[in-house]
Amino acid sequence: MANAEKVAAVAELTERFKDSSGAVLTEYRGLTVAQLAELRKSLGDHATFAVVKNTLTKIAVTDAGLKDQLSSLLVGPSAVAFVDGDVVEAAKGLRDFARANPLLVIKGGVLDGKAITPSEIIKLADLESREVLLAKLAGAMKASLAGAAATFNALPVQMAQLVEALRAKRAAAGDAGPAVTADSAAPGSDAAPGSDAAPATPETPATPDSGDEG
């Protein structure tokens, strides 16, 4: 490979490492061209799979600021899965293919600039995909909104029932109140209500004695 071609290859790899949300390094020793094509197909739109040269890739990861995370993994026949879509779906594709084709060895990678181990990549594959999580979130929000709408719709009915209950309670309290009768004592009277005492008889004025007249 001419020097200009190497420079261009390193520049391209560097950009791929910088622009991808994640990258997984693998060893593909023993896999056929047909199997590699099958792997690329299984990754779909979630990742691209590229066979790389270790010497050029080591320069690229250094230029991308990922030397500490990836340089030690670049041993033996290497290929990189650059994740451009859902990281979980890409991890599932790699895990499932490695189970069916043990010659594909997942060596490790980076996710958002941080190193991840093979076991962590498998754990990612066990998670639910972004599409599934979004669907569950949408369902939960829909159920929550439906519950809120039902609550709001029920408020007028509940208010009407409350008002009616208060009206009935007040009406019942008015019927049970003390009745005012005609036998009640008038204000300011000395006799108590229901007393048997007879009213006082006014005193008859004295008649002048006619014999005293001269």
N, C-alpha and C. Protein backbone atom coordinates (compact mmCIF):
# COMPACT_ATOMS: atom_id res chain seq x y z
N MET A 1 0.86 -1.20 0.00
CA MET A 1 0.00 0.00 0.00
C MET A 1 0.89 1.24 0.00
N ALA A 2 0.65 2.14 -0.95
CA ALA A 2 1.44 3.36 -1.05
C ALA A 2 1.20 4.23 0.18
N ASN A 3 2.17 5.11 0.41
CA ASN A 3 2.09 5.96 1.60
C ASN A 3 0.83 6.84 1.59
N ALA A 4 0.47 7.37 0.43
CA ALA A 4 -0.72 8.22 0.32
C ALA A 4 -1.97 7.42 0.67
N GLU A 5 -1.99 6.17 0.22
CA GLU A 5 -3.14 5.32 0.52
C GLU A 5 -3.23 5.03 2.02
N LYS A 6 -2.08 4.83 2.65
CA LYS A 6 -2.06 4.58 4.10
C LYS A 6 -2.57 5.80 4.86
N VAL A 7 -2.14 6.97 4.43
CA VAL A 7 -2.57 8.20 5.09
C VAL A 7 -4.09 8.35 4.96
N ALA A 8 -4.59 8.07 3.77
CA ALA A 8 -6.04 8.18 3.54
C ALA A 8 -6.80 7.15 4.37
N ALA A 9 -6.26 5.93 4.46
CA ALA A 9 -6.91 4.87 5.23
C ALA A 9 -6.95 5.22 6.72
N VAL A 10 -5.83 5.77 7.23
CA VAL A 10 -5.79 6.17 8.64
C VAL A 10 -6.77 7.30 8.91
N ALA A 11 -6.83 8.26 8.00
CA ALA A 11 -7.74 9.39 8.17
C ALA A 11 -9.21 8.91 8.19
N GLU A 12 -9.52 7.95 7.31
CA GLU A 12 -10.88 7.43 7.26
C GLU A 12 -11.24 6.68 8.54
N LEU A 13 -10.32 5.83 9.01
CA LEU A 13 -10.55 5.09 10.25
C LEU A 13 -10.70 6.04 11.44
N THR A 14 -9.87 7.07 11.45
CA THR A 14 -9.93 8.03 12.55
C THR A 14 -11.31 8.68 12.61
N GLU A 15 -11.83 9.08 11.47
CA GLU A 15 -13.15 9.70 11.42
C GLU A 15 -14.23 8.70 11.84
N ARG A 16 -14.08 7.45 11.45
CA ARG A 16 -15.08 6.45 11.83
C ARG A 16 -15.12 6.27 13.35
N PHE A 17 -13.95 6.23 13.96
CA PHE A 17 -13.89 6.08 15.42
C PHE A 17 -14.48 7.32 16.11
N LYS A 18 -14.24 8.49 15.55
CA LYS A 18 -14.75 9.72 16.16
C LYS A 18 -16.25 9.87 15.98
N ASP A 19 -16.76 9.50 14.80
CA ASP A 19 -18.16 9.75 14.48
C ASP A 19 -19.11 8.67 14.99
N SER A 20 -18.60 7.47 15.24
CA SER A 20 -19.46 6.37 15.68
C SER A 20 -19.77 6.49 17.16
N SER A 21 -20.98 6.06 17.53
CA SER A 21 -21.34 6.08 18.95
C SER A 21 -20.61 4.98 19.72
N GLY A 22 -20.17 3.97 19.00
CA GLY A 22 -19.42 2.89 19.63
C GLY A 22 -18.67 2.09 18.60
N ALA A 23 -17.73 1.29 19.06
CA ALA A 23 -16.96 0.42 18.16
C ALA A 23 -16.59 -0.85 18.92
N VAL A 24 -16.72 -1.99 18.24
CA VAL A 24 -16.40 -3.28 18.85
C VAL A 24 -15.32 -3.96 18.02
N LEU A 25 -14.23 -4.30 18.69
CA LEU A 25 -13.15 -5.00 18.01
C LEU A 25 -13.35 -6.51 18.13
N THR A 26 -13.13 -7.21 17.03
CA THR A 26 -13.32 -8.66 16.99
C THR A 26 -12.14 -9.32 16.30
N GLU A 27 -12.01 -10.61 16.55
CA GLU A 27 -11.07 -11.45 15.80
C GLU A 27 -11.90 -12.38 14.93
N TYR A 28 -11.57 -12.45 13.65
CA TYR A 28 -12.38 -13.21 12.70
C TYR A 28 -11.63 -14.40 12.09
N ARG A 29 -10.54 -14.79 12.72
CA ARG A 29 -9.68 -15.83 12.17
C ARG A 29 -10.51 -17.10 11.86
N GLY A 30 -10.43 -17.56 10.63
CA GLY A 30 -11.12 -18.79 10.22
C GLY A 30 -12.47 -18.58 9.59
N LEU A 31 -13.03 -17.39 9.67
CA LEU A 31 -14.32 -17.14 9.04
C LEU A 31 -14.16 -16.97 7.53
N THR A 32 -15.10 -17.49 6.79
CA THR A 32 -15.05 -17.39 5.34
C THR A 32 -15.62 -16.05 4.88
N VAL A 33 -15.38 -15.75 3.63
CA VAL A 33 -15.92 -14.52 3.05
C VAL A 33 -17.45 -14.53 3.12
N ALA A 34 -18.05 -15.69 2.89
CA ALA A 34 -19.51 -15.81 2.95
C ALA A 34 -20.03 -15.56 4.37
N GLN A 35 -19.30 -16.04 5.36
CA GLN A 35 -19.72 -15.82 6.74
C GLN A 35 -19.59 -14.36 7.14
N LEU A 36 -18.53 -13.71 6.69
CA LEU A 36 -18.38 -12.28 6.97
C LEU A 36 -19.50 -11.47 6.31
N ALA A 37 -19.89 -11.88 5.11
CA ALA A 37 -21.01 -11.20 4.43
C ALA A 37 -22.32 -11.41 5.21
N GLU A 38 -22.47 -12.61 5.75
CA GLU A 38 -23.66 -12.90 6.57
C GLU A 38 -23.67 -12.04 7.83
N LEU A 39 -22.49 -11.86 8.43
CA LEU A 39 -22.40 -11.02 9.63
C LEU A 39 -22.77 -9.57 9.31
N ARG A 40 -22.25 -9.06 8.22
CA ARG A 40 -22.58 -7.68 7.84
C ARG A 40 -24.09 -7.53 7.61
N LYS A 41 -24.68 -8.54 7.01
CA LYS A 41 -26.12 -8.50 6.76
C LYS A 41 -26.91 -8.53 8.06
N SER A 42 -26.44 -9.33 9.03
CA SER A 42 -27.16 -9.45 10.30
C SER A 42 -27.11 -8.16 11.11
N LEU A 43 -26.07 -7.35 10.90
CA LEU A 43 -25.97 -6.08 11.63
C LEU A 43 -26.93 -5.04 11.07
N GLY A 44 -27.33 -5.19 9.81
CA GLY A 44 -28.29 -4.29 9.21
C GLY A 44 -27.83 -2.85 9.23
N ASP A 45 -28.75 -1.96 9.63
CA ASP A 45 -28.45 -0.53 9.66
C ASP A 45 -27.82 -0.08 10.97
N HIS A 46 -27.62 -1.02 11.88
CA HIS A 46 -27.16 -0.64 13.21
C HIS A 46 -25.64 -0.50 13.29
N ALA A 47 -24.90 -1.16 12.40
CA ALA A 47 -23.44 -1.10 12.44
C ALA A 47 -22.87 -1.56 11.11
N THR A 48 -21.63 -1.17 10.87
CA THR A 48 -20.89 -1.64 9.69
C THR A 48 -19.67 -2.41 10.17
N PHE A 49 -19.31 -3.43 9.43
CA PHE A 49 -18.23 -4.33 9.85
C PHE A 49 -17.10 -4.23 8.84
N ALA A 50 -15.91 -3.89 9.33
CA ALA A 50 -14.77 -3.68 8.43
C ALA A 50 -13.54 -4.42 8.93
N VAL A 51 -12.89 -5.17 8.04
CA VAL A 51 -11.60 -5.81 8.35
C VAL A 51 -10.53 -4.73 8.26
N VAL A 52 -9.65 -4.66 9.27
CA VAL A 52 -8.66 -3.58 9.34
C VAL A 52 -7.26 -4.14 9.53
N LYS A 53 -6.28 -3.30 9.20
CA LYS A 53 -4.87 -3.61 9.45
C LYS A 53 -4.49 -3.03 10.81
N ASN A 54 -3.85 -3.83 11.65
CA ASN A 54 -3.54 -3.40 13.00
C ASN A 54 -2.63 -2.17 13.05
N THR A 55 -1.63 -2.13 12.19
CA THR A 55 -0.68 -1.02 12.24
C THR A 55 -1.36 0.31 11.94
N LEU A 56 -2.20 0.31 10.93
CA LEU A 56 -2.90 1.55 10.57
C LEU A 56 -3.97 1.89 11.62
N THR A 57 -4.63 0.88 12.15
CA THR A 57 -5.69 1.11 13.13
C THR A 57 -5.12 1.65 14.43
N LYS A 58 -3.93 1.21 14.81
CA LYS A 58 -3.31 1.73 16.02
C LYS A 58 -3.04 3.22 15.88
N ILE A 59 -2.64 3.65 14.69
CA ILE A 59 -2.42 5.09 14.46
C ILE A 59 -3.76 5.82 14.54
N ALA A 60 -4.79 5.20 13.96
CA ALA A 60 -6.11 5.84 13.93
C ALA A 60 -6.69 5.99 15.34
N VAL A 61 -6.58 4.95 16.16
CA VAL A 61 -7.16 5.06 17.51
C VAL A 61 -6.38 6.07 18.35
N THR A 62 -5.09 6.21 18.07
CA THR A 62 -4.30 7.22 18.77
C THR A 62 -4.76 8.62 18.36
N ASP A 63 -4.96 8.81 17.05
CA ASP A 63 -5.42 10.10 16.56
C ASP A 63 -6.84 10.42 17.05
N ALA A 64 -7.64 9.40 17.27
CA ALA A 64 -9.02 9.60 17.73
C ALA A 64 -9.10 9.74 19.24
N GLY A 65 -7.97 9.61 19.94
CA GLY A 65 -7.96 9.74 21.39
C GLY A 65 -8.43 8.49 22.11
N LEU A 66 -8.30 7.33 21.45
CA LEU A 66 -8.78 6.07 22.03
C LEU A 66 -7.66 5.04 22.19
N LYS A 67 -6.44 5.53 22.27
CA LYS A 67 -5.29 4.61 22.36
C LYS A 67 -5.38 3.73 23.59
N ASP A 68 -5.67 4.32 24.75
CA ASP A 68 -5.70 3.55 26.00
C ASP A 68 -6.83 2.52 26.00
N GLN A 69 -7.92 2.81 25.31
CA GLN A 69 -9.06 1.92 25.32
C GLN A 69 -8.93 0.76 24.32
N LEU A 70 -8.27 1.00 23.16
CA LEU A 70 -8.33 0.01 22.08
C LEU A 70 -6.98 -0.53 21.60
N SER A 71 -5.92 0.18 21.83
CA SER A 71 -4.63 -0.22 21.22
C SER A 71 -4.23 -1.64 21.61
N SER A 72 -4.44 -2.02 22.86
CA SER A 72 -4.01 -3.34 23.32
C SER A 72 -4.84 -4.48 22.71
N LEU A 73 -6.00 -4.15 22.14
CA LEU A 73 -6.86 -5.18 21.55
C LEU A 73 -6.49 -5.49 20.09
N LEU A 74 -5.64 -4.67 19.52
CA LEU A 74 -5.29 -4.83 18.11
C LEU A 74 -4.16 -5.85 17.95
N VAL A 75 -4.52 -7.10 18.18
CA VAL A 75 -3.58 -8.22 18.05
C VAL A 75 -4.27 -9.31 17.24
N GLY A 76 -3.55 -9.89 16.26
CA GLY A 76 -4.16 -10.92 15.43
C GLY A 76 -5.07 -10.32 14.38
N PRO A 77 -5.71 -11.16 13.57
CA PRO A 77 -6.61 -10.66 12.53
C PRO A 77 -7.76 -9.87 13.16
N SER A 78 -7.87 -8.60 12.82
CA SER A 78 -8.82 -7.73 13.50
C SER A 78 -9.87 -7.18 12.54
N ALA A 79 -11.05 -7.03 13.07
CA ALA A 79 -12.14 -6.36 12.35
C ALA A 79 -12.90 -5.53 13.36
N VAL A 80 -13.49 -4.45 12.87
CA VAL A 80 -14.17 -3.51 13.75
C VAL A 80 -15.63 -3.36 13.31
N ALA A 81 -16.53 -3.46 14.29
CA ALA A 81 -17.94 -3.14 14.04
C ALA A 81 -18.17 -1.71 14.52
N PHE A 82 -18.35 -0.79 13.58
CA PHE A 82 -18.62 0.60 13.93
C PHE A 82 -20.14 0.75 14.10
N VAL A 83 -20.54 1.14 15.30
CA VAL A 83 -21.97 1.25 15.61
C VAL A 83 -22.46 2.64 15.23
N ASP A 84 -23.41 2.68 14.30
CA ASP A 84 -23.98 3.94 13.86
C ASP A 84 -25.43 4.11 14.30
N GLY A 85 -26.08 3.03 14.73
CA GLY A 85 -27.48 3.09 15.14
C GLY A 85 -27.64 2.68 16.59
N ASP A 86 -28.61 1.81 16.82
CA ASP A 86 -28.90 1.33 18.17
C ASP A 86 -27.78 0.42 18.66
N VAL A 87 -27.10 0.83 19.73
CA VAL A 87 -25.98 0.05 20.27
C VAL A 87 -26.45 -1.33 20.73
N VAL A 88 -27.64 -1.39 21.35
CA VAL A 88 -28.16 -2.67 21.85
C VAL A 88 -28.39 -3.64 20.69
N GLU A 89 -28.99 -3.15 19.61
CA GLU A 89 -29.26 -4.02 18.46
C GLU A 89 -27.95 -4.50 17.82
N ALA A 90 -26.96 -3.62 17.76
CA ALA A 90 -25.66 -4.03 17.22
C ALA A 90 -25.02 -5.11 18.08
N ALA A 91 -25.11 -4.93 19.40
CA ALA A 91 -24.57 -5.93 20.33
C ALA A 91 -25.30 -7.26 20.18
N LYS A 92 -26.61 -7.22 19.98
CA LYS A 92 -27.38 -8.45 19.78
C LYS A 92 -26.92 -9.17 18.52
N GLY A 93 -26.71 -8.40 17.44
CA GLY A 93 -26.27 -9.01 16.19
C GLY A 93 -24.92 -9.70 16.33
N LEU A 94 -23.98 -9.04 17.01
CA LEU A 94 -22.66 -9.63 17.21
C LEU A 94 -22.73 -10.86 18.12
N ARG A 95 -23.51 -10.75 19.20
CA ARG A 95 -23.63 -11.87 20.14
C ARG A 95 -24.25 -13.09 19.46
N ASP A 96 -25.33 -12.87 18.75
CA ASP A 96 -26.02 -14.00 18.12
C ASP A 96 -25.15 -14.66 17.05
N PHE A 97 -24.43 -13.83 16.28
CA PHE A 97 -23.56 -14.41 15.25
C PHE A 97 -22.41 -15.17 15.88
N ALA A 98 -21.85 -14.64 17.00
CA ALA A 98 -20.74 -15.32 17.66
C ALA A 98 -21.19 -16.65 18.26
N ARG A 99 -22.45 -16.73 18.73
CA ARG A 99 -22.96 -17.99 19.25
C ARG A 99 -23.07 -19.04 18.15
N ALA A 100 -23.52 -18.60 16.99
CA ALA A 100 -23.66 -19.53 15.86
C ALA A 100 -22.33 -19.81 15.17
N ASN A 101 -21.38 -18.87 15.29
CA ASN A 101 -20.07 -19.01 14.64
C ASN A 101 -18.98 -18.66 15.67
N PRO A 102 -18.57 -19.64 16.47
CA PRO A 102 -17.60 -19.39 17.55
C PRO A 102 -16.26 -18.83 17.08
N LEU A 103 -15.98 -18.89 15.78
CA LEU A 103 -14.72 -18.33 15.30
C LEU A 103 -14.69 -16.81 15.39
N LEU A 104 -15.86 -16.18 15.50
CA LEU A 104 -15.89 -14.74 15.73
C LEU A 104 -15.71 -14.49 17.23
N VAL A 105 -14.63 -13.82 17.59
CA VAL A 105 -14.33 -13.55 19.00
C VAL A 105 -14.48 -12.05 19.26
N ILE A 106 -15.33 -11.73 20.21
CA ILE A 106 -15.49 -10.32 20.60
C ILE A 106 -14.41 -9.97 21.62
N LYS A 107 -13.55 -9.02 21.29
CA LYS A 107 -12.41 -8.70 22.15
C LYS A 107 -12.65 -7.52 23.08
N GLY A 108 -13.59 -6.67 22.73
CA GLY A 108 -13.86 -5.49 23.54
C GLY A 108 -14.19 -4.32 22.64
N GLY A 109 -14.30 -3.14 23.21
CA GLY A 109 -14.62 -1.98 22.38
C GLY A 109 -14.74 -0.72 23.20
N VAL A 110 -15.40 0.26 22.59
CA VAL A 110 -15.65 1.53 23.27
C VAL A 110 -17.10 1.92 23.04
N LEU A 111 -17.65 2.61 24.02
CA LEU A 111 -19.00 3.14 23.92
C LEU A 111 -18.98 4.55 24.47
N ASP A 112 -19.28 5.52 23.62
CA ASP A 112 -19.22 6.94 24.01
C ASP A 112 -17.86 7.28 24.62
N GLY A 113 -16.80 6.73 24.01
CA GLY A 113 -15.45 7.05 24.44
C GLY A 113 -14.93 6.26 25.63
N LYS A 114 -15.75 5.38 26.20
CA LYS A 114 -15.33 4.60 27.37
C LYS A 114 -15.15 3.13 26.98
N ALA A 115 -14.12 2.52 27.54
CA ALA A 115 -13.83 1.13 27.22
C ALA A 115 -14.92 0.20 27.77
N ILE A 116 -15.27 -0.82 26.99
CA ILE A 116 -16.23 -1.83 27.44
C ILE A 116 -15.64 -3.21 27.17
N THR A 117 -15.88 -4.13 28.09
CA THR A 117 -15.33 -5.47 28.00
C THR A 117 -16.30 -6.37 27.20
N PRO A 118 -15.83 -7.54 26.78
CA PRO A 118 -16.72 -8.48 26.09
C PRO A 118 -17.96 -8.83 26.91
N SER A 119 -17.79 -9.01 28.23
CA SER A 119 -18.95 -9.36 29.06
C SER A 119 -19.95 -8.19 29.12
N GLU A 120 -19.45 -6.98 29.10
CA GLU A 120 -20.35 -5.82 29.10
C GLU A 120 -21.10 -5.70 27.78
N ILE A 121 -20.45 -6.09 26.70
CA ILE A 121 -21.12 -6.08 25.39
C ILE A 121 -22.25 -7.11 25.37
N ILE A 122 -22.03 -8.27 25.98
CA ILE A 122 -23.06 -9.30 26.06
C ILE A 122 -24.23 -8.80 26.93
N LYS A 123 -23.91 -8.10 28.01
CA LYS A 123 -24.97 -7.54 28.86
C LYS A 123 -25.80 -6.51 28.09
N LEU A 124 -25.13 -5.73 27.24
CA LEU A 124 -25.85 -4.78 26.40
C LEU A 124 -26.83 -5.52 25.48
N ALA A 125 -26.38 -6.65 24.96
CA ALA A 125 -27.22 -7.43 24.05
C ALA A 125 -28.45 -7.99 24.74
N ASP A 126 -28.37 -8.17 26.06
CA ASP A 126 -29.51 -8.71 26.81
C ASP A 126 -30.55 -7.64 27.13
N LEU A 127 -30.21 -6.37 26.90
CA LEU A 127 -31.16 -5.30 27.17
C LEU A 127 -32.21 -5.22 26.07
N GLU A 128 -33.30 -4.53 26.36
CA GLU A 128 -34.32 -4.32 25.34
C GLU A 128 -33.87 -3.20 24.41
N SER A 129 -34.25 -3.33 23.16
CA SER A 129 -33.82 -2.35 22.16
C SER A 129 -34.48 -1.00 22.39
N ARG A 130 -33.95 0.00 21.75
CA ARG A 130 -34.48 1.36 21.87
C ARG A 130 -35.93 1.41 21.40
N GLU A 131 -36.24 0.70 20.31
CA GLU A 131 -37.60 0.70 19.79
C GLU A 131 -38.57 0.10 20.79
N VAL A 132 -38.17 -0.99 21.44
CA VAL A 132 -39.04 -1.64 22.43
C VAL A 132 -39.26 -0.73 23.63
N LEU A 133 -38.18 -0.10 24.10
CA LEU A 133 -38.30 0.80 25.25
C LEU A 133 -39.20 1.99 24.93
N LEU A 134 -39.06 2.53 23.72
CA LEU A 134 -39.89 3.67 23.33
C LEU A 134 -41.36 3.25 23.24
N ALA A 135 -41.59 2.04 22.72
CA ALA A 135 -42.97 1.55 22.62
C ALA A 135 -43.58 1.38 24.00
N LYS A 136 -42.80 0.85 24.95
CA LYS A 136 -43.30 0.69 26.32
C LYS A 136 -43.57 2.04 26.97
N LEU A 137 -42.67 3.00 26.73
CA LEU A 137 -42.85 4.33 27.29
C LEU A 137 -44.11 4.98 26.73
N ALA A 138 -44.31 4.83 25.41
CA ALA A 138 -45.50 5.40 24.79
C ALA A 138 -46.76 4.77 25.36
N GLY A 139 -46.73 3.46 25.58
CA GLY A 139 -47.88 2.77 26.16
C GLY A 139 -48.18 3.24 27.57
N ALA A 140 -47.12 3.42 28.35
CA ALA A 140 -47.31 3.89 29.72
C ALA A 140 -47.87 5.31 29.75
N MET A 141 -47.37 6.16 28.87
CA MET A 141 -47.86 7.54 28.80
C MET A 141 -49.32 7.57 28.35
N LYS A 142 -49.66 6.71 27.39
CA LYS A 142 -51.04 6.65 26.90
C LYS A 142 -51.98 6.21 28.01
N ALA A 143 -51.57 5.20 28.77
CA ALA A 143 -52.40 4.72 29.88
C ALA A 143 -52.55 5.80 30.94
N SER A 144 -51.45 6.52 31.22
CA SER A 144 -51.49 7.59 32.22
C SER A 144 -52.43 8.71 31.78
N LEU A 145 -52.35 9.09 30.50
CA LEU A 145 -53.21 10.15 29.99
C LEU A 145 -54.67 9.72 30.00
N ALA A 146 -54.93 8.45 29.68
CA ALA A 146 -56.31 7.95 29.70
C ALA A 146 -56.87 7.99 31.11
N GLY A 147 -56.03 7.63 32.10
CA GLY A 147 -56.47 7.69 33.49
C GLY A 147 -56.76 9.11 33.93
N ALA A 148 -55.90 10.05 33.50
CA ALA A 148 -56.12 11.45 33.86
C ALA A 148 -57.41 11.98 33.22
N ALA A 149 -57.66 11.61 31.96
CA ALA A 149 -58.87 12.05 31.28
C ALA A 149 -60.12 11.52 31.98
N ALA A 150 -60.07 10.25 32.40
CA ALA A 150 -61.21 9.67 33.11
C ALA A 150 -61.46 10.39 34.43
N THR A 151 -60.38 10.78 35.11
CA THR A 151 -60.52 11.51 36.38
C THR A 151 -61.17 12.87 36.16
N PHE A 152 -60.71 13.58 35.13
CA PHE A 152 -61.28 14.89 34.84
C PHE A 152 -62.75 14.78 34.44
N ASN A 153 -63.08 13.74 33.67
CA ASN A 153 -64.47 13.56 33.25
C ASN A 153 -65.37 13.24 34.43
N ALA A 154 -64.81 12.59 35.44
CA ALA A 154 -65.61 12.20 36.60
C ALA A 154 -65.82 13.36 37.58
N LEU A 155 -65.02 14.41 37.49
CA LEU A 155 -65.11 15.50 38.45
C LEU A 155 -66.48 16.19 38.45
N PRO A 156 -67.08 16.55 37.30
CA PRO A 156 -68.40 17.19 37.35
C PRO A 156 -69.46 16.33 38.03
N VAL A 157 -69.45 15.04 37.75
CA VAL A 157 -70.42 14.13 38.37
C VAL A 157 -70.21 14.09 39.88
N GLN A 158 -68.96 14.00 40.30
CA GLN A 158 -68.67 13.95 41.73
C GLN A 158 -69.05 15.26 42.42
N MET A 159 -68.84 16.39 41.75
CA MET A 159 -69.21 17.67 42.33
C MET A 159 -70.73 17.77 42.49
N ALA A 160 -71.47 17.30 41.46
CA ALA A 160 -72.93 17.33 41.53
C ALA A 160 -73.43 16.46 42.68
N GLN A 161 -72.82 15.30 42.86
CA GLN A 161 -73.21 14.41 43.95
C GLN A 161 -72.92 15.04 45.30
N LEU A 162 -71.81 15.73 45.41
CA LEU A 162 -71.44 16.39 46.66
C LEU A 162 -72.43 17.51 47.00
N VAL A 163 -72.76 18.32 46.00
CA VAL A 163 -73.70 19.42 46.22
C VAL A 163 -75.06 18.88 46.66
N GLU A 164 -75.53 17.82 46.02
CA GLU A 164 -76.82 17.21 46.37
C GLU A 164 -76.80 16.66 47.79
N ALA A 165 -75.68 16.03 48.17
CA ALA A 165 -75.56 15.48 49.52
C ALA A 165 -75.60 16.59 50.56
N LEU A 166 -74.91 17.70 50.27
CA LEU A 166 -74.93 18.84 51.21
C LEU A 166 -76.34 19.43 51.32
N ARG A 167 -77.04 19.54 50.16
CA ARG A 167 -78.39 20.09 50.19
C ARG A 167 -79.32 19.21 51.03
N ALA A 168 -79.22 17.89 50.85
CA ALA A 168 -80.07 16.98 51.60
C ALA A 168 -79.76 17.03 53.09
N LYS A 169 -78.48 17.17 53.42
CA LYS A 169 -78.08 17.23 54.83
C LYS A 169 -78.62 18.49 55.49
N ARG A 170 -78.57 19.60 54.77
CA ARG A 170 -79.08 20.85 55.33
C ARG A 170 -80.60 20.81 55.49
N ALA A 171 -81.29 20.20 54.51
CA ALA A 171 -82.74 20.08 54.60
C ALA A 171 -83.15 19.23 55.79
N ALA A 172 -82.44 18.14 56.01
CA ALA A 172 -82.74 17.28 57.15
C ALA A 172 -82.49 18.00 58.47
N ALA A 173 -81.43 18.78 58.53
CA ALA A 173 -81.12 19.53 59.75
C ALA A 173 -82.19 20.57 60.02
N GLY A 174 -82.80 21.18 59.01
CA GLY A 174 -83.85 22.18 59.19
C GLY A 174 -85.13 21.56 59.69
N ASP A 175 -85.48 20.36 59.25
CA ASP A 175 -86.70 19.69 59.70
C ASP A 175 -86.60 19.28 61.16
N ALA A 176 -85.46 19.01 61.67
CA ALA A 176 -85.30 18.54 63.05
C ALA A 176 -85.17 19.67 64.05
N GLY A 177 -85.22 20.93 63.62
CA GLY A 177 -85.02 22.07 64.52
C GLY A 177 -86.22 22.28 65.43
N PRO A 178 -86.11 23.02 66.58
CA PRO A 178 -87.20 23.26 67.54
C PRO A 178 -88.27 24.15 66.92
N ALA A 179 -89.57 23.77 67.15
CA ALA A 179 -90.70 24.54 66.61
C ALA A 179 -91.08 25.63 67.59
N VAL A 180 -91.45 26.80 67.10
CA VAL A 180 -91.89 27.93 67.93
C VAL A 180 -93.40 27.85 68.06
N THR A 181 -93.94 27.73 69.32
CA THR A 181 -95.38 27.58 69.57
C THR A 181 -95.96 28.87 70.12
N ALA A 182 -97.36 28.93 70.10
CA ALA A 182 -98.04 30.13 70.58
C ALA A 182 -97.98 30.26 72.09
N ASP A 183 -97.65 29.16 72.79
CA ASP A 183 -97.61 29.18 74.25
C ASP A 183 -96.30 29.72 74.79
N SER A 184 -95.40 29.97 73.88
CA SER A 184 -94.09 30.46 74.36
C SER A 184 -94.26 31.81 75.01
N ALA A 185 -93.50 32.07 76.03
CA ALA A 185 -93.59 33.35 76.75
C ALA A 185 -93.08 34.47 75.90
N ALA A 186 -93.75 35.62 76.02
CA ALA A 186 -93.31 36.79 75.27
C ALA A 186 -92.07 37.36 75.92
N PRO A 187 -91.24 38.00 75.12
CA PRO A 187 -90.02 38.59 75.69
C PRO A 187 -90.37 39.59 76.78
N GLY A 188 -89.64 39.54 77.87
CA GLY A 188 -89.84 40.48 78.97
C GLY A 188 -90.88 40.05 79.96
N SER A 189 -91.59 38.95 79.77
CA SER A 189 -92.61 38.49 80.70
C SER A 189 -91.97 37.93 81.94
N ASP A 190 -92.64 38.15 83.13
CA ASP A 190 -92.09 37.62 84.38
C ASP A 190 -92.42 36.16 84.56
N ALA A 191 -93.49 35.68 83.88
CA ALA A 191 -93.88 34.29 84.03
C ALA A 191 -93.08 33.42 83.10
N ALA A 192 -92.68 32.35 83.63
CA ALA A 192 -91.92 31.42 82.81
C ALA A 192 -92.86 30.68 81.91
N PRO A 193 -92.41 30.20 80.76
CA PRO A 193 -93.28 29.45 79.85
C PRO A 193 -93.84 28.24 80.58
N GLY A 194 -95.22 28.04 80.45
CA GLY A 194 -95.84 26.87 81.03
C GLY A 194 -96.17 27.03 82.50
N SER A 195 -95.96 28.24 83.12
CA SER A 195 -96.21 28.45 84.55
C SER A 195 -97.70 28.52 84.82
N ASP A 196 -98.19 28.04 86.02
CA ASP A 196 -99.60 28.05 86.40
C ASP A 196 -99.98 29.33 87.16
N ALA A 197 -99.08 30.20 87.39
CA ALA A 197 -99.36 31.42 88.15
C ALA A 197 -100.36 32.28 87.41
N ALA A 198 -101.41 32.80 88.14
CA ALA A 198 -102.43 33.65 87.51
C ALA A 198 -101.90 35.05 87.36
N PRO A 199 -102.34 35.71 86.34
CA PRO A 199 -101.84 37.08 86.14
C PRO A 199 -102.36 37.98 87.24
N ALA A 200 -101.61 38.98 87.61
CA ALA A 200 -101.99 39.90 88.71
C ALA A 200 -103.22 40.71 88.33
N THR A 201 -104.19 40.90 89.35
CA THR A 201 -105.43 41.68 89.11
C THR A 201 -105.17 43.12 89.50
N PRO A 202 -105.48 44.02 88.62
CA PRO A 202 -105.20 45.42 88.96
C PRO A 202 -106.05 45.87 90.14
N GLU A 203 -105.49 46.68 91.04
CA GLU A 203 -106.17 47.14 92.26
C GLU A 203 -107.25 48.16 91.93
N THR A 204 -108.53 47.97 92.59
CA THR A 204 -109.67 48.87 92.31
C THR A 204 -109.47 50.17 93.09
N PRO A 205 -109.57 51.28 92.41
CA PRO A 205 -109.32 52.56 93.12
C PRO A 205 -110.44 52.84 94.12
N ALA A 206 -110.11 53.45 95.26
CA ALA A 206 -111.10 53.75 96.35
C ALA A 206 -112.07 54.83 95.94
N THR A 207 -113.39 54.68 96.40
CA THR A 207 -114.42 55.67 96.09
C THR A 207 -114.53 56.68 97.22
N PRO A 208 -114.53 57.95 96.91
CA PRO A 208 -114.59 58.95 97.98
C PRO A 208 -115.89 58.83 98.81
N ASP A 209 -115.82 58.98 100.13
CA ASP A 209 -116.99 58.89 101.04
C ASP A 209 -117.84 60.16 100.92
N SER A 210 -119.10 59.93 100.49
CA SER A 210 -119.98 61.10 100.28
C SER A 210 -120.38 61.82 101.58
N GLY A 211 -120.28 61.12 102.74
CA GLY A 211 -120.69 61.74 104.02
C GLY A 211 -119.75 62.81 104.49
N ASP A 212 -118.60 62.88 103.92
CA ASP A 212 -117.64 63.86 104.39
C ASP A 212 -117.85 65.21 103.75
N GLU A 213 -118.75 65.19 102.72
CA GLU A 213 -118.90 66.46 102.03
C GLU A 213 -119.73 67.40 102.90
N GLY A 214 -119.38 68.48 102.95
CA GLY A 214 -120.12 69.48 103.72
C GLY A 214 -121.05 70.18 102.79
